[in-house]
C-alpha atoms as a PDB file:
ATOM      1  CA  MET A   1     -12.212  26.363  12.047  1.00  0.00           C
ATOM      2  CA  SER A   2      -9.177  28.525  12.750  1.00  0.00           C
ATOM      3  CA  ASP A   3      -6.665  29.429  10.075  1.00  0.00           C
ATOM      4  CA  SER A   4      -3.816  27.688  11.923  1.00  0.00           C
ATOM      5  CA  ALA A   5      -5.713  24.374  12.047  1.00  0.00           C
ATOM      6  CA  SER A   6      -6.656  24.510   8.374  1.00  0.00           C
ATOM      7  CA  SER A   7      -3.057  25.246   7.348  1.00  0.00           C
ATOM      8  CA  PHE A   8      -2.102  21.672   8.327  1.00  0.00           C
ATOM      9  CA  ILE A   9      -4.748  20.076   6.137  1.00  0.00           C
ATOM     10  CA  PRO A  10      -3.631  19.488   2.544  1.00  0.00           C
ATOM     11  CA  PRO A  11      -5.989  20.465  -0.252  1.00  0.00           C
ATOM     12  CA  ALA A  12      -8.436  17.831  -1.424  1.00  0.00           C
ATOM     13  CA  THR A  13      -6.920  16.924  -4.785  1.00  0.00           C
ATOM     14  CA  PHE A  14      -6.835  13.853  -6.964  1.00  0.00           C
ATOM     15  CA  GLU A  15      -3.079  13.664  -6.404  1.00  0.00           C
ATOM     16  CA  PHE A  16      -3.539  13.662  -2.630  1.00  0.00           C
ATOM     17  CA  LEU A  17      -6.192  10.936  -2.860  1.00  0.00           C
ATOM     18  CA  VAL A  18      -3.905   8.693  -4.925  1.00  0.00           C
ATOM     19  CA  ALA A  19      -0.937   9.388  -2.634  1.00  0.00           C
ATOM     20  CA  SER A  20      -3.020   8.620   0.470  1.00  0.00           C
ATOM     21  CA  LEU A  21      -4.243   5.295  -0.877  1.00  0.00           C
ATOM     22  CA  GLN A  22      -0.759   4.429  -2.123  1.00  0.00           C
ATOM     23  CA  PHE A  23       0.700   5.199   1.311  1.00  0.00           C
ATOM     24  CA  GLN A  24      -1.887   2.981   3.020  1.00  0.00           C
ATOM     25  CA  ALA A  25      -1.109   0.100   0.666  1.00  0.00           C
ATOM     26  CA  GLU A  26       2.649   0.499   1.201  1.00  0.00           C
ATOM     27  CA  MET A  27       2.299   0.605   4.976  1.00  0.00           C
ATOM     28  CA  ASN A  28       0.210  -2.557   4.960  1.00  0.00           C
ATOM     29  CA  MET A  29       2.808  -4.311   2.815  1.00  0.00           C
ATOM     30  CA  GLY A  30       5.375  -3.572   5.494  1.00  0.00           C
ATOM     31  CA  THR A  31       7.200  -0.802   3.652  1.00  0.00           C
ATOM     32  CA  GLY A  32       8.881   1.327   6.282  1.00  0.00           C
ATOM     33  CA  MET A  33       7.280  -0.552   9.165  1.00  0.00           C
ATOM     34  CA  LYS A  34       9.055  -0.482  12.480  1.00  0.00           C
ATOM     35  CA  PRO A  35       8.432  -2.654  15.517  1.00  0.00           C
ATOM     36  CA  ASP A  36       5.720  -1.367  17.859  1.00  0.00           C
ATOM     37  CA  GLU A  37       6.368  -0.020  21.380  1.00  0.00           C
ATOM     38  CA  GLU A  38       6.867  -3.535  22.758  1.00  0.00           C
ATOM     39  CA  GLY A  39       9.462  -4.243  20.068  1.00  0.00           C
ATOM     40  CA  GLU A  40       7.239  -6.673  18.203  1.00  0.00           C
ATOM     41  CA  ASP A  41       7.200  -6.750  14.428  1.00  0.00           C
ATOM     42  CA  ASN A  42       3.544  -7.292  13.535  1.00  0.00           C
ATOM     43  CA  GLY A  43       4.428  -7.909   9.909  1.00  0.00           C
ATOM     44  CA  PRO A  44       2.518  -6.908   6.802  1.00  0.00           C
ATOM     45  CA  ASN A  45      -1.231  -7.067   6.383  1.00  0.00           C
ATOM     46  CA  LEU A  46      -1.363  -8.232   2.780  1.00  0.00           C
ATOM     47  CA  PRO A  47      -5.161  -8.567   2.520  1.00  0.00           C
ATOM     48  CA  LEU A  48      -5.559  -4.930   3.583  1.00  0.00           C
ATOM     49  CA  ALA A  49      -2.740  -3.849   1.248  1.00  0.00           C
ATOM     50  CA  ARG A  50      -4.527  -5.646  -1.579  1.00  0.00           C
ATOM     51  CA  HIS A  51      -7.752  -3.836  -0.648  1.00  0.00           C
ATOM     52  CA  PHE A  52      -6.107  -0.424  -1.097  1.00  0.00           C
ATOM     53  CA  ILE A  53      -4.569  -1.527  -4.411  1.00  0.00           C
ATOM     54  CA  ASP A  54      -8.012  -2.709  -5.541  1.00  0.00           C
ATOM     55  CA  ILE A  55      -9.513   0.670  -4.571  1.00  0.00           C
ATOM     56  CA  LEU A  56      -6.934   2.405  -6.772  1.00  0.00           C
ATOM     57  CA  GLY A  57      -7.733  -0.041  -9.585  1.00  0.00           C
ATOM     58  CA  MET A  58     -11.448   0.711  -9.232  1.00  0.00           C
ATOM     59  CA  LEU A  59     -10.659   4.440  -9.262  1.00  0.00           C
ATOM     60  CA  GLN A  60      -8.685   3.952 -12.471  1.00  0.00           C
ATOM     61  CA  GLU A  61     -11.571   2.104 -14.094  1.00  0.00           C
ATOM     62  CA  LYS A  62     -14.253   4.570 -12.985  1.00  0.00           C
ATOM     63  CA  THR A  63     -12.269   7.653 -14.055  1.00  0.00           C
ATOM     64  CA  LYS A  64     -11.178   6.306 -17.448  1.00  0.00           C
ATOM     65  CA  GLY A  65     -11.377   9.093 -20.006  1.00  0.00           C
ATOM     66  CA  ASN A  66     -11.908  11.792 -17.363  1.00  0.00           C
ATOM     67  CA  LEU A  67      -8.352  12.387 -16.125  1.00  0.00           C
ATOM     68  CA  SER A  68      -5.675  14.756 -17.292  1.00  0.00           C
ATOM     69  CA  MET A  69      -2.536  13.143 -18.705  1.00  0.00           C
ATOM     70  CA  GLU A  70      -0.679  13.881 -15.444  1.00  0.00           C
ATOM     71  CA  GLU A  71      -3.431  12.341 -13.304  1.00  0.00           C
ATOM     72  CA  LYS A  72      -3.617   9.277 -15.552  1.00  0.00           C
ATOM     73  CA  ARG A  73       0.156   8.758 -15.350  1.00  0.00           C
ATOM     74  CA  LEU A  74       0.147   9.259 -11.589  1.00  0.00           C
ATOM     75  CA  LEU A  75      -2.511   6.601 -11.120  1.00  0.00           C
ATOM     76  CA  GLU A  76      -0.927   4.166 -13.597  1.00  0.00           C
ATOM     77  CA  ASN A  77       2.514   4.557 -12.017  1.00  0.00           C
ATOM     78  CA  ALA A  78       1.141   4.117  -8.505  1.00  0.00           C
ATOM     79  CA  LEU A  79      -0.701   0.932  -9.496  1.00  0.00           C
ATOM     80  CA  THR A  80       2.272  -0.512 -11.375  1.00  0.00           C
ATOM     81  CA  GLU A  81       4.612   0.121  -8.465  1.00  0.00           C
ATOM     82  CA  LEU A  82       2.180  -1.167  -5.840  1.00  0.00           C
ATOM     83  CA  ARG A  83       1.360  -4.331  -7.762  1.00  0.00           C
ATOM     84  CA  PHE A  84       5.068  -5.081  -8.178  1.00  0.00           C
ATOM     85  CA  ARG A  85       5.741  -4.460  -4.475  1.00  0.00           C
ATOM     86  CA  TYR A  86       2.729  -6.561  -3.524  1.00  0.00           C
ATOM     87  CA  VAL A  87       4.100  -9.557  -5.415  1.00  0.00           C
ATOM     88  CA  GLN A  88       7.458  -9.084  -3.672  1.00  0.00           C
ATOM     89  CA  ALA A  89       5.794  -8.813  -0.247  1.00  0.00           C
ATOM     90  CA  PHE A  90       3.654 -11.874  -0.974  1.00  0.00           C
ATOM     91  CA  ASP A  91       6.739 -13.861  -1.991  1.00  0.00           C
ATOM     92  CA  ARG A  92       8.581 -12.804   1.185  1.00  0.00           C
ATOM     93  CA  ALA A  93       5.623 -13.786   3.353  1.00  0.00           C
ATOM     94  CA  THR A  94       5.309 -17.130   1.573  1.00  0.00           C
ATOM     95  CA  GLN A  95       9.013 -17.861   2.022  1.00  0.00           C
ATOM     96  CA  LYS A  96       8.833 -17.045   5.754  1.00  0.00           C
ATOM     97  CA  ALA A  97       5.848 -19.350   6.202  1.00  0.00           C
ATOM     98  CA  ALA A  98       7.333 -22.265   4.249  1.00  0.00           C
ATOM     99  CA  PRO A  99       9.239 -24.895   6.231  1.00  0.00           C
ATOM    100  CA  LYS A 100      12.949 -24.852   5.587  1.00  0.00           C
ATOM    101  CA  PRO A 101      14.609 -27.997   4.172  1.00  0.00           C
ATOM    102  CA  GLY A 102      15.960 -30.095   7.011  1.00  0.00           C
ATOM    103  CA  ASP A 103      13.599 -28.629   9.596  1.00  0.00           C
ATOM    104  CA  SER A 104      11.948 -31.362  11.579  1.00  0.00           C
ATOM    105  CA  THR A 105       8.401 -30.529  12.615  1.00  0.00           C
ATOM    106  CA  THR A 106       7.561 -34.025  13.819  1.00  0.00           C
ATOM    107  CA  ALA A 107       8.903 -35.454  17.030  1.00  0.00           C
END
């Protein structure tokens, strides 16, 4: 592999792993999502977001006692933030799906 190609690849670190999984969870919750090329908003994919949060939770459990203080805090903070955002995203999705008072769905 050439030096120029490898300069674009970040080092394989615990911090990068946590950040990558956190980013995937956030994207699937709709954080920073923009409409696609056709202008359609595909909305969040909460089951997939939950999957990435669960992976981070499993990582926390499996690495218990083996992380530096900084790594432990990074993982705890990421999970706390993601779980809070997940609840907010879930509430937003539930509110969008719920019929509004006064809406008539029967003819």
